[in-house]
């Protein structure tokens, strides 16, 4: 497992980082777990240069973007509020919370570079190899134990079709270059699989 501390700002309390890691490590999480957090942080690192002024806010938003994940609704909003509370008094609190809210629909504005990077890093899983993609799908399914297979298939297909309706799945040039074709193929394959059930 990746050492996530290297993505944590030195000026922030390590106790907060520990609290966030503990939230992602909760046993109820099948996909939105510490592995997902590590992957998103690594993808942000790939997409944002070390001297990019958006880098710190995007990395912090990655830390907070799924910190609340309990199946009770308003997940992004409650995660954003947690960021606002935890970062109160810092210059990044408002921006980090805004970025977390952008991940609800993964449709950042054309001039929102930070939002584009975070959304692309969050959705990079769609371009995973076959084994990791299958693990991702199983993990997401396990997070909804009270939903029947039929209902889950309908809801999942709707989410995926909504993504496919976007002109591109990814917003930054680098993410499109790296991941667009493979991600679209994976998502289309999964939609076909869901329709055949």
N, C-alpha and C. Protein backbone atom coordinates (compact mmCIF):
# COMPACT_ATOMS: atom_id res chain seq x y z
N UNK A 1 0.85 -1.20 0.00
CA UNK A 1 0.00 0.00 0.00
C UNK A 1 0.88 1.25 0.00
N UNK A 2 0.51 2.19 -0.80
CA UNK A 2 1.27 3.42 -0.93
C UNK A 2 1.32 4.19 0.39
N UNK A 3 2.45 4.86 0.63
CA UNK A 3 2.58 5.73 1.79
C UNK A 3 1.91 7.06 1.45
N UNK A 4 0.75 7.28 2.01
CA UNK A 4 -0.05 8.45 1.65
C UNK A 4 0.48 9.73 2.28
N UNK A 5 1.34 9.62 3.26
CA UNK A 5 1.84 10.80 3.96
C UNK A 5 2.53 11.76 3.01
N UNK A 6 3.13 11.24 1.95
CA UNK A 6 3.85 12.12 1.04
C UNK A 6 2.93 13.07 0.28
N UNK A 7 1.63 12.79 0.29
CA UNK A 7 0.66 13.67 -0.36
C UNK A 7 -0.01 14.62 0.64
N UNK A 8 0.45 14.61 1.88
CA UNK A 8 -0.18 15.41 2.93
C UNK A 8 0.64 16.68 3.18
N UNK A 9 0.01 17.84 3.23
CA UNK A 9 0.76 19.09 3.47
C UNK A 9 1.47 19.06 4.82
N UNK A 10 2.70 19.49 4.84
CA UNK A 10 3.48 19.47 6.08
C UNK A 10 2.91 20.40 7.15
N UNK A 11 2.19 21.43 6.72
CA UNK A 11 1.68 22.40 7.68
C UNK A 11 0.39 21.95 8.36
N UNK A 12 -0.17 20.81 7.91
CA UNK A 12 -1.40 20.32 8.51
C UNK A 12 -1.11 19.22 9.52
N UNK A 13 -1.95 19.14 10.53
CA UNK A 13 -1.79 18.17 11.60
C UNK A 13 -1.87 16.73 11.09
N UNK A 14 -0.91 15.91 11.48
CA UNK A 14 -0.93 14.50 11.09
C UNK A 14 -2.09 13.75 11.73
N UNK A 15 -2.61 14.27 12.84
CA UNK A 15 -3.76 13.63 13.46
C UNK A 15 -4.97 13.66 12.55
N UNK A 16 -5.14 14.77 11.81
CA UNK A 16 -6.24 14.86 10.85
C UNK A 16 -6.05 13.85 9.73
N UNK A 17 -4.83 13.73 9.26
CA UNK A 17 -4.55 12.73 8.22
C UNK A 17 -4.91 11.32 8.72
N UNK A 18 -4.55 11.03 9.95
CA UNK A 18 -4.88 9.73 10.52
C UNK A 18 -6.38 9.49 10.58
N UNK A 19 -7.12 10.53 10.92
CA UNK A 19 -8.59 10.42 10.98
C UNK A 19 -9.16 10.13 9.59
N UNK A 20 -8.64 10.80 8.59
CA UNK A 20 -9.12 10.59 7.23
C UNK A 20 -8.79 9.17 6.76
N UNK A 21 -7.56 8.74 6.99
CA UNK A 21 -7.19 7.38 6.59
C UNK A 21 -8.07 6.35 7.29
N UNK A 22 -8.39 6.58 8.56
CA UNK A 22 -9.25 5.66 9.30
C UNK A 22 -10.64 5.59 8.68
N UNK A 23 -11.15 6.74 8.22
CA UNK A 23 -12.47 6.75 7.58
C UNK A 23 -12.46 5.90 6.31
N UNK A 24 -11.41 6.04 5.50
CA UNK A 24 -11.32 5.26 4.27
C UNK A 24 -11.07 3.77 4.54
N UNK A 25 -10.56 3.45 5.72
CA UNK A 25 -10.25 2.06 6.07
C UNK A 25 -11.44 1.35 6.71
N UNK A 26 -12.59 2.00 6.83
CA UNK A 26 -13.75 1.38 7.47
C UNK A 26 -14.12 0.10 6.73
N UNK A 27 -14.43 -0.97 7.44
CA UNK A 27 -14.70 -2.26 6.78
C UNK A 27 -15.92 -2.29 5.87
N UNK A 28 -16.80 -1.32 5.99
CA UNK A 28 -17.98 -1.30 5.12
C UNK A 28 -17.66 -0.84 3.70
N UNK A 29 -16.46 -0.35 3.50
CA UNK A 29 -16.10 0.20 2.19
C UNK A 29 -15.54 -0.90 1.29
N UNK A 30 -16.22 -1.12 0.19
CA UNK A 30 -15.76 -2.13 -0.75
C UNK A 30 -14.88 -1.56 -1.84
N UNK A 31 -15.19 -0.33 -2.26
CA UNK A 31 -14.37 0.34 -3.27
C UNK A 31 -13.84 1.68 -2.78
N UNK A 32 -14.68 2.48 -2.16
CA UNK A 32 -14.27 3.83 -1.75
C UNK A 32 -13.44 3.76 -0.47
N UNK A 33 -12.33 3.08 -0.58
CA UNK A 33 -11.49 2.73 0.55
C UNK A 33 -10.11 3.37 0.43
N UNK A 34 -9.19 2.90 1.23
CA UNK A 34 -7.84 3.47 1.24
C UNK A 34 -7.13 3.24 -0.10
N UNK A 35 -7.40 2.12 -0.75
CA UNK A 35 -6.81 1.88 -2.07
C UNK A 35 -7.28 2.92 -3.06
N UNK A 36 -8.58 3.21 -3.05
CA UNK A 36 -9.13 4.24 -3.93
C UNK A 36 -8.50 5.59 -3.63
N UNK A 37 -8.40 5.93 -2.35
CA UNK A 37 -7.77 7.20 -1.97
C UNK A 37 -6.34 7.27 -2.52
N UNK A 38 -5.59 6.20 -2.34
CA UNK A 38 -4.20 6.18 -2.83
C UNK A 38 -4.15 6.35 -4.34
N UNK A 39 -5.04 5.68 -5.05
CA UNK A 39 -5.05 5.80 -6.52
C UNK A 39 -5.38 7.22 -6.95
N UNK A 40 -6.36 7.84 -6.31
CA UNK A 40 -6.73 9.21 -6.69
C UNK A 40 -5.57 10.17 -6.42
N UNK A 41 -4.95 10.04 -5.26
CA UNK A 41 -3.80 10.90 -4.94
C UNK A 41 -2.67 10.70 -5.95
N UNK A 42 -2.40 9.47 -6.32
CA UNK A 42 -1.34 9.18 -7.30
C UNK A 42 -1.68 9.77 -8.66
N UNK A 43 -2.95 9.71 -9.03
CA UNK A 43 -3.35 10.27 -10.33
C UNK A 43 -3.29 11.80 -10.32
N UNK A 44 -3.66 12.41 -9.21
CA UNK A 44 -3.49 13.87 -9.10
C UNK A 44 -2.02 14.21 -9.28
N UNK A 45 -1.17 13.45 -8.63
CA UNK A 45 0.27 13.67 -8.72
C UNK A 45 0.76 13.57 -10.17
N UNK A 46 0.17 12.67 -10.94
CA UNK A 46 0.54 12.50 -12.34
C UNK A 46 0.07 13.67 -13.20
N UNK A 47 -1.07 14.26 -12.83
CA UNK A 47 -1.70 15.26 -13.69
C UNK A 47 -1.34 16.70 -13.35
N UNK A 48 -0.78 16.94 -12.15
CA UNK A 48 -0.49 18.31 -11.72
C UNK A 48 0.99 18.44 -11.40
N UNK A 49 1.62 19.40 -12.02
CA UNK A 49 3.05 19.64 -11.78
C UNK A 49 3.29 20.11 -10.35
N UNK A 50 4.49 19.87 -9.87
CA UNK A 50 4.84 20.23 -8.49
C UNK A 50 4.68 21.73 -8.22
N UNK A 51 4.87 22.55 -9.24
CA UNK A 51 4.79 24.00 -9.04
C UNK A 51 3.43 24.59 -9.45
N UNK A 52 2.47 23.73 -9.75
CA UNK A 52 1.13 24.20 -10.12
C UNK A 52 0.45 24.81 -8.90
N UNK A 53 -0.08 26.03 -9.01
CA UNK A 53 -0.70 26.66 -7.84
C UNK A 53 -1.95 25.94 -7.34
N UNK A 54 -2.55 25.09 -8.18
CA UNK A 54 -3.75 24.35 -7.77
C UNK A 54 -3.41 23.05 -7.03
N UNK A 55 -2.15 22.64 -7.06
CA UNK A 55 -1.78 21.31 -6.61
C UNK A 55 -2.22 21.01 -5.16
N UNK A 56 -1.91 21.89 -4.23
CA UNK A 56 -2.20 21.58 -2.83
C UNK A 56 -3.70 21.47 -2.58
N UNK A 57 -4.48 22.36 -3.17
CA UNK A 57 -5.94 22.30 -2.98
C UNK A 57 -6.50 21.01 -3.58
N UNK A 58 -6.01 20.62 -4.75
CA UNK A 58 -6.54 19.41 -5.39
C UNK A 58 -6.16 18.17 -4.57
N UNK A 59 -4.93 18.11 -4.08
CA UNK A 59 -4.53 16.98 -3.25
C UNK A 59 -5.38 16.91 -1.98
N UNK A 60 -5.61 18.04 -1.34
CA UNK A 60 -6.44 18.03 -0.14
C UNK A 60 -7.88 17.64 -0.47
N UNK A 61 -8.39 18.11 -1.59
CA UNK A 61 -9.74 17.73 -1.99
C UNK A 61 -9.82 16.23 -2.25
N UNK A 62 -8.76 15.65 -2.79
CA UNK A 62 -8.73 14.20 -2.98
C UNK A 62 -8.83 13.48 -1.64
N UNK A 63 -8.13 13.98 -0.64
CA UNK A 63 -8.21 13.39 0.69
C UNK A 63 -9.64 13.40 1.23
N UNK A 64 -10.36 14.47 0.98
CA UNK A 64 -11.69 14.64 1.56
C UNK A 64 -12.83 14.15 0.66
N UNK A 65 -12.60 13.86 -0.61
CA UNK A 65 -13.71 13.74 -1.55
C UNK A 65 -14.68 12.60 -1.23
N UNK A 66 -14.22 11.52 -0.63
CA UNK A 66 -15.10 10.42 -0.23
C UNK A 66 -14.98 10.12 1.26
N UNK A 67 -14.59 11.10 2.05
CA UNK A 67 -14.37 10.82 3.48
C UNK A 67 -15.67 10.39 4.16
N UNK A 68 -16.80 10.91 3.71
CA UNK A 68 -18.10 10.43 4.18
C UNK A 68 -18.64 9.48 3.11
N UNK A 69 -18.81 8.23 3.48
CA UNK A 69 -19.36 7.25 2.52
C UNK A 69 -20.11 6.18 3.30
N UNK A 70 -21.36 6.52 3.61
CA UNK A 70 -22.16 5.64 4.47
C UNK A 70 -23.49 5.23 3.85
N UNK A 71 -23.70 5.55 2.57
CA UNK A 71 -24.93 5.15 1.90
C UNK A 71 -26.15 5.94 2.29
N UNK A 72 -25.97 7.05 3.00
CA UNK A 72 -27.12 7.81 3.50
C UNK A 72 -27.48 9.02 2.64
N UNK A 73 -26.82 9.23 1.52
CA UNK A 73 -27.14 10.35 0.66
C UNK A 73 -26.34 11.60 0.99
N UNK A 74 -26.33 12.54 0.04
CA UNK A 74 -25.60 13.81 0.20
C UNK A 74 -24.14 13.58 0.57
N UNK A 75 -23.53 12.55 0.00
CA UNK A 75 -22.17 12.17 0.40
C UNK A 75 -21.16 13.26 0.10
N UNK A 76 -21.22 13.81 -1.10
CA UNK A 76 -20.26 14.86 -1.47
C UNK A 76 -20.46 16.11 -0.63
N UNK A 77 -21.72 16.46 -0.40
CA UNK A 77 -21.99 17.65 0.41
C UNK A 77 -21.49 17.47 1.83
N UNK A 78 -21.73 16.31 2.41
CA UNK A 78 -21.28 16.07 3.79
C UNK A 78 -19.76 15.95 3.86
N UNK A 79 -19.16 15.40 2.81
CA UNK A 79 -17.69 15.36 2.76
C UNK A 79 -17.12 16.77 2.65
N UNK A 80 -17.78 17.61 1.84
CA UNK A 80 -17.34 19.01 1.69
C UNK A 80 -17.45 19.76 3.01
N UNK A 81 -18.52 19.52 3.74
CA UNK A 81 -18.69 20.19 5.04
C UNK A 81 -17.62 19.72 6.03
N UNK A 82 -17.28 18.44 5.94
CA UNK A 82 -16.21 17.94 6.82
C UNK A 82 -14.90 18.66 6.50
N UNK A 83 -14.65 18.89 5.20
CA UNK A 83 -13.44 19.63 4.82
C UNK A 83 -13.48 21.05 5.35
N UNK A 84 -14.64 21.71 5.22
CA UNK A 84 -14.76 23.08 5.71
C UNK A 84 -14.49 23.16 7.20
N UNK A 85 -15.00 22.20 7.95
CA UNK A 85 -14.79 22.19 9.40
C UNK A 85 -13.34 21.90 9.75
N UNK A 86 -12.79 20.86 9.11
CA UNK A 86 -11.42 20.44 9.43
C UNK A 86 -10.39 21.49 9.04
N UNK A 87 -10.67 22.22 7.96
CA UNK A 87 -9.71 23.20 7.44
C UNK A 87 -10.07 24.64 7.80
N UNK A 88 -11.06 24.80 8.68
CA UNK A 88 -11.50 26.15 9.08
C UNK A 88 -10.31 26.98 9.53
N UNK A 89 -10.28 28.21 9.04
CA UNK A 89 -9.19 29.11 9.41
C UNK A 89 -8.00 29.05 8.47
N UNK A 90 -8.01 28.11 7.52
CA UNK A 90 -6.93 28.05 6.54
C UNK A 90 -7.39 28.71 5.25
N UNK A 91 -6.44 29.04 4.40
CA UNK A 91 -6.78 29.73 3.15
C UNK A 91 -7.40 28.79 2.13
N UNK A 92 -7.32 27.48 2.35
CA UNK A 92 -7.79 26.52 1.35
C UNK A 92 -9.15 25.92 1.66
N UNK A 93 -9.73 26.23 2.80
CA UNK A 93 -10.97 25.57 3.23
C UNK A 93 -12.08 25.69 2.18
N UNK A 94 -12.32 26.88 1.69
CA UNK A 94 -13.42 27.11 0.75
C UNK A 94 -13.16 26.40 -0.58
N UNK A 95 -11.94 26.49 -1.08
CA UNK A 95 -11.63 25.87 -2.37
C UNK A 95 -11.67 24.35 -2.29
N UNK A 96 -11.15 23.79 -1.23
CA UNK A 96 -11.18 22.33 -1.09
C UNK A 96 -12.62 21.83 -1.04
N UNK A 97 -13.46 22.50 -0.26
CA UNK A 97 -14.87 22.11 -0.18
C UNK A 97 -15.55 22.24 -1.54
N UNK A 98 -15.25 23.30 -2.26
CA UNK A 98 -15.84 23.48 -3.59
C UNK A 98 -15.46 22.32 -4.51
N UNK A 99 -14.19 21.95 -4.48
CA UNK A 99 -13.72 20.86 -5.33
C UNK A 99 -14.39 19.53 -4.98
N UNK A 100 -14.56 19.28 -3.70
CA UNK A 100 -15.24 18.05 -3.29
C UNK A 100 -16.65 18.03 -3.86
N UNK A 101 -17.33 19.15 -3.83
CA UNK A 101 -18.70 19.22 -4.37
C UNK A 101 -18.74 18.96 -5.87
N UNK A 102 -17.69 19.34 -6.58
CA UNK A 102 -17.63 19.12 -8.04
C UNK A 102 -17.65 17.63 -8.37
N UNK A 103 -17.15 16.80 -7.46
CA UNK A 103 -17.09 15.36 -7.76
C UNK A 103 -18.46 14.69 -7.72
N UNK A 104 -19.50 15.40 -7.31
CA UNK A 104 -20.82 14.77 -7.30
C UNK A 104 -21.26 14.37 -8.70
N UNK A 105 -21.00 15.25 -9.68
CA UNK A 105 -21.43 14.96 -11.05
C UNK A 105 -20.27 14.85 -12.03
N UNK A 106 -19.06 15.15 -11.59
CA UNK A 106 -17.88 15.07 -12.45
C UNK A 106 -18.06 15.90 -13.72
N UNK A 107 -18.59 17.10 -13.55
CA UNK A 107 -18.76 18.01 -14.68
C UNK A 107 -18.22 19.40 -14.32
N UNK A 108 -16.91 19.52 -14.19
CA UNK A 108 -16.32 20.82 -13.86
C UNK A 108 -16.46 21.79 -15.03
N UNK A 109 -16.44 23.06 -14.73
CA UNK A 109 -16.51 24.08 -15.78
C UNK A 109 -15.26 24.03 -16.65
N UNK A 110 -15.39 24.57 -17.85
CA UNK A 110 -14.27 24.52 -18.81
C UNK A 110 -13.05 25.27 -18.30
N UNK A 111 -13.25 26.26 -17.45
CA UNK A 111 -12.11 27.04 -16.94
C UNK A 111 -11.71 26.62 -15.52
N UNK A 112 -12.23 25.49 -15.06
CA UNK A 112 -11.95 25.00 -13.71
C UNK A 112 -10.87 23.92 -13.78
N UNK A 113 -9.63 24.35 -13.89
CA UNK A 113 -8.52 23.40 -14.01
C UNK A 113 -8.44 22.47 -12.81
N UNK A 114 -8.55 23.02 -11.62
CA UNK A 114 -8.46 22.19 -10.42
C UNK A 114 -9.57 21.16 -10.37
N UNK A 115 -10.78 21.57 -10.70
CA UNK A 115 -11.91 20.65 -10.72
C UNK A 115 -11.74 19.58 -11.77
N UNK A 116 -11.20 19.95 -12.91
CA UNK A 116 -10.96 18.98 -13.98
C UNK A 116 -9.96 17.91 -13.54
N UNK A 117 -8.89 18.35 -12.91
CA UNK A 117 -7.86 17.40 -12.45
C UNK A 117 -8.45 16.44 -11.43
N UNK A 118 -9.18 16.96 -10.44
CA UNK A 118 -9.74 16.09 -9.41
C UNK A 118 -10.72 15.09 -10.01
N UNK A 119 -11.60 15.55 -10.88
CA UNK A 119 -12.57 14.64 -11.50
C UNK A 119 -11.87 13.58 -12.34
N UNK A 120 -10.85 13.99 -13.08
CA UNK A 120 -10.12 13.02 -13.91
C UNK A 120 -9.41 11.98 -13.05
N UNK A 121 -8.81 12.43 -11.96
CA UNK A 121 -8.13 11.49 -11.07
C UNK A 121 -9.12 10.53 -10.43
N UNK A 122 -10.29 11.02 -10.08
CA UNK A 122 -11.32 10.19 -9.45
C UNK A 122 -11.86 9.15 -10.42
N UNK A 123 -11.99 9.50 -11.68
CA UNK A 123 -12.56 8.59 -12.67
C UNK A 123 -11.52 7.76 -13.42
N UNK A 124 -10.26 7.92 -13.09
CA UNK A 124 -9.21 7.16 -13.78
C UNK A 124 -9.40 5.66 -13.63
N UNK A 125 -10.09 5.22 -12.59
CA UNK A 125 -10.38 3.80 -12.39
C UNK A 125 -11.10 3.21 -13.59
N UNK A 126 -11.83 4.03 -14.31
CA UNK A 126 -12.58 3.53 -15.47
C UNK A 126 -11.65 3.01 -16.55
N UNK A 127 -10.41 3.41 -16.52
CA UNK A 127 -9.44 2.97 -17.54
C UNK A 127 -8.55 1.84 -17.02
N UNK A 128 -8.90 1.26 -15.89
CA UNK A 128 -8.08 0.22 -15.30
C UNK A 128 -8.03 -1.04 -16.17
N UNK A 129 -7.02 -1.87 -15.92
CA UNK A 129 -6.96 -3.15 -16.64
C UNK A 129 -8.14 -4.02 -16.19
N UNK A 130 -8.35 -5.12 -16.89
CA UNK A 130 -9.55 -5.94 -16.69
C UNK A 130 -9.69 -6.40 -15.24
N UNK A 131 -8.59 -6.84 -14.63
CA UNK A 131 -8.66 -7.34 -13.27
C UNK A 131 -9.04 -6.27 -12.27
N UNK A 132 -8.40 -5.11 -12.36
CA UNK A 132 -8.70 -4.02 -11.42
C UNK A 132 -10.10 -3.48 -11.67
N UNK A 133 -10.52 -3.40 -12.93
CA UNK A 133 -11.87 -2.91 -13.22
C UNK A 133 -12.91 -3.85 -12.61
N UNK A 134 -12.70 -5.14 -12.74
CA UNK A 134 -13.64 -6.11 -12.17
C UNK A 134 -13.68 -5.98 -10.65
N UNK A 135 -12.53 -5.77 -10.03
CA UNK A 135 -12.47 -5.58 -8.59
C UNK A 135 -13.21 -4.32 -8.18
N UNK A 136 -13.06 -3.26 -8.95
CA UNK A 136 -13.77 -2.00 -8.72
C UNK A 136 -15.27 -2.21 -8.75
N UNK A 137 -15.76 -2.92 -9.78
CA UNK A 137 -17.20 -3.15 -9.92
C UNK A 137 -17.72 -3.98 -8.74
N UNK A 138 -17.00 -5.02 -8.36
CA UNK A 138 -17.40 -5.83 -7.21
C UNK A 138 -17.42 -4.99 -5.93
N UNK A 139 -16.43 -4.13 -5.78
CA UNK A 139 -16.35 -3.29 -4.60
C UNK A 139 -17.52 -2.33 -4.50
N UNK A 140 -17.87 -1.70 -5.61
CA UNK A 140 -19.01 -0.78 -5.62
C UNK A 140 -20.29 -1.55 -5.28
N UNK A 141 -20.45 -2.73 -5.86
CA UNK A 141 -21.66 -3.52 -5.58
C UNK A 141 -21.75 -3.87 -4.10
N UNK A 142 -20.63 -4.20 -3.48
CA UNK A 142 -20.64 -4.61 -2.08
C UNK A 142 -21.03 -3.48 -1.13
N UNK A 143 -20.92 -2.25 -1.60
CA UNK A 143 -21.27 -1.10 -0.77
C UNK A 143 -22.77 -0.84 -0.72
N UNK A 144 -23.55 -1.64 -1.45
CA UNK A 144 -25.01 -1.47 -1.49
C UNK A 144 -25.69 -2.80 -1.19
N UNK A 145 -25.43 -3.37 -0.01
CA UNK A 145 -25.94 -4.71 0.28
C UNK A 145 -27.46 -4.82 0.36
N UNK A 146 -28.14 -3.71 0.66
CA UNK A 146 -29.59 -3.77 0.80
C UNK A 146 -30.33 -3.61 -0.53
N UNK A 147 -29.59 -3.34 -1.60
CA UNK A 147 -30.19 -3.14 -2.92
C UNK A 147 -30.19 -4.47 -3.66
N UNK A 148 -31.32 -4.82 -4.26
CA UNK A 148 -31.38 -6.07 -5.02
C UNK A 148 -30.48 -5.99 -6.24
N UNK A 149 -30.09 -7.14 -6.76
CA UNK A 149 -29.24 -7.17 -7.95
C UNK A 149 -29.90 -6.45 -9.11
N UNK A 150 -31.21 -6.66 -9.28
CA UNK A 150 -31.92 -6.03 -10.40
C UNK A 150 -31.92 -4.51 -10.27
N UNK A 151 -32.23 -4.02 -9.07
CA UNK A 151 -32.25 -2.57 -8.86
C UNK A 151 -30.85 -1.97 -9.00
N UNK A 152 -29.86 -2.69 -8.49
CA UNK A 152 -28.50 -2.19 -8.61
C UNK A 152 -28.10 -2.07 -10.07
N UNK A 153 -28.45 -3.08 -10.87
CA UNK A 153 -28.10 -3.06 -12.29
C UNK A 153 -28.72 -1.85 -12.99
N UNK A 154 -29.96 -1.56 -12.66
CA UNK A 154 -30.65 -0.42 -13.28
C UNK A 154 -29.96 0.89 -12.88
N UNK A 155 -29.67 1.05 -11.60
CA UNK A 155 -29.05 2.28 -11.11
C UNK A 155 -27.63 2.45 -11.64
N UNK A 156 -26.90 1.35 -11.61
CA UNK A 156 -25.52 1.40 -12.11
C UNK A 156 -25.48 1.75 -13.58
N UNK A 157 -26.36 1.13 -14.37
CA UNK A 157 -26.40 1.42 -15.81
C UNK A 157 -26.74 2.88 -16.06
N UNK A 158 -27.61 3.45 -15.25
CA UNK A 158 -27.98 4.86 -15.42
C UNK A 158 -26.78 5.76 -15.15
N UNK A 159 -26.02 5.46 -14.12
CA UNK A 159 -24.82 6.25 -13.80
C UNK A 159 -23.82 6.16 -14.95
N UNK A 160 -23.61 4.96 -15.46
CA UNK A 160 -22.63 4.77 -16.53
C UNK A 160 -23.08 5.43 -17.83
N UNK A 161 -24.36 5.34 -18.14
CA UNK A 161 -24.86 6.00 -19.36
C UNK A 161 -24.73 7.51 -19.26
N UNK A 162 -24.94 8.04 -18.06
CA UNK A 162 -24.77 9.47 -17.84
C UNK A 162 -23.32 9.88 -18.12
N UNK A 163 -22.38 9.06 -17.67
CA UNK A 163 -20.97 9.34 -17.95
C UNK A 163 -20.69 9.27 -19.45
N UNK A 164 -21.22 8.25 -20.10
CA UNK A 164 -20.98 8.09 -21.54
C UNK A 164 -21.60 9.21 -22.37
N UNK A 165 -22.60 9.89 -21.81
CA UNK A 165 -23.25 10.99 -22.53
C UNK A 165 -22.37 12.23 -22.58
N UNK A 166 -21.36 12.30 -21.74
CA UNK A 166 -20.44 13.43 -21.78
C UNK A 166 -19.63 13.39 -23.07
N UNK A 167 -19.25 14.54 -23.60
CA UNK A 167 -18.43 14.53 -24.82
C UNK A 167 -17.15 13.71 -24.65
N UNK A 168 -16.55 13.82 -23.49
CA UNK A 168 -15.40 12.99 -23.12
C UNK A 168 -15.54 12.65 -21.64
N UNK A 169 -15.00 11.50 -21.26
CA UNK A 169 -15.05 11.11 -19.85
C UNK A 169 -14.09 11.96 -19.03
N UNK A 170 -13.00 12.38 -19.66
CA UNK A 170 -11.96 13.14 -18.97
C UNK A 170 -11.86 14.55 -19.53
N UNK A 171 -11.35 15.45 -18.70
CA UNK A 171 -11.37 16.87 -19.04
C UNK A 171 -10.00 17.44 -19.40
N UNK A 172 -8.96 16.94 -18.78
CA UNK A 172 -7.63 17.46 -19.10
C UNK A 172 -7.07 16.71 -20.31
N UNK A 173 -6.25 17.39 -21.05
CA UNK A 173 -5.65 16.78 -22.25
C UNK A 173 -4.85 15.52 -21.88
N UNK A 174 -4.10 15.61 -20.79
CA UNK A 174 -3.26 14.48 -20.39
C UNK A 174 -4.10 13.27 -20.01
N UNK A 175 -5.18 13.48 -19.28
CA UNK A 175 -6.04 12.36 -18.90
C UNK A 175 -6.72 11.75 -20.12
N UNK A 176 -7.15 12.60 -21.03
CA UNK A 176 -7.77 12.05 -22.25
C UNK A 176 -6.75 11.23 -23.03
N UNK A 177 -5.55 11.71 -23.12
CA UNK A 177 -4.51 10.98 -23.85
C UNK A 177 -4.23 9.62 -23.21
N UNK A 178 -4.16 9.61 -21.89
CA UNK A 178 -3.81 8.38 -21.17
C UNK A 178 -4.95 7.38 -21.08
N UNK A 179 -6.17 7.89 -20.83
CA UNK A 179 -7.22 7.01 -20.34
C UNK A 179 -8.52 6.98 -21.14
N UNK A 180 -8.79 7.94 -22.00
CA UNK A 180 -10.12 8.06 -22.59
C UNK A 180 -10.57 6.80 -23.33
N UNK A 181 -9.78 6.32 -24.26
CA UNK A 181 -10.23 5.20 -25.10
C UNK A 181 -10.48 3.94 -24.28
N UNK A 182 -9.54 3.61 -23.39
CA UNK A 182 -9.70 2.39 -22.60
C UNK A 182 -10.87 2.53 -21.62
N UNK A 183 -11.04 3.70 -21.04
CA UNK A 183 -12.14 3.91 -20.11
C UNK A 183 -13.49 3.79 -20.81
N UNK A 184 -13.61 4.41 -21.97
CA UNK A 184 -14.88 4.33 -22.69
C UNK A 184 -15.19 2.89 -23.08
N UNK A 185 -14.19 2.15 -23.48
CA UNK A 185 -14.41 0.74 -23.83
C UNK A 185 -14.85 -0.06 -22.61
N UNK A 186 -14.22 0.17 -21.46
CA UNK A 186 -14.60 -0.53 -20.23
C UNK A 186 -16.03 -0.22 -19.83
N UNK A 187 -16.40 1.04 -19.88
CA UNK A 187 -17.74 1.44 -19.45
C UNK A 187 -18.79 0.90 -20.41
N UNK A 188 -18.53 0.99 -21.70
CA UNK A 188 -19.48 0.45 -22.68
C UNK A 188 -19.65 -1.05 -22.49
N UNK A 189 -18.58 -1.75 -22.20
CA UNK A 189 -18.64 -3.19 -21.97
C UNK A 189 -19.49 -3.50 -20.74
N UNK A 190 -19.30 -2.72 -19.69
CA UNK A 190 -20.09 -2.96 -18.49
C UNK A 190 -21.57 -2.67 -18.72
N UNK A 191 -21.88 -1.61 -19.45
CA UNK A 191 -23.28 -1.30 -19.75
C UNK A 191 -23.91 -2.45 -20.52
N UNK A 192 -23.21 -3.00 -21.48
CA UNK A 192 -23.74 -4.15 -22.24
C UNK A 192 -23.99 -5.34 -21.32
N UNK A 193 -23.05 -5.56 -20.40
CA UNK A 193 -23.18 -6.66 -19.45
C UNK A 193 -24.40 -6.47 -18.55
N UNK A 194 -24.61 -5.26 -18.09
CA UNK A 194 -25.77 -4.99 -17.22
C UNK A 194 -27.08 -5.17 -17.98
N UNK A 195 -27.09 -4.77 -19.25
CA UNK A 195 -28.32 -4.88 -20.05
C UNK A 195 -28.69 -6.33 -20.33
N UNK A 196 -27.72 -7.22 -20.30
CA UNK A 196 -27.99 -8.62 -20.62
C UNK A 196 -28.46 -9.42 -19.41
N UNK A 197 -28.52 -8.80 -18.26
CA UNK A 197 -28.93 -9.52 -17.05
C UNK A 197 -30.44 -9.61 -16.92
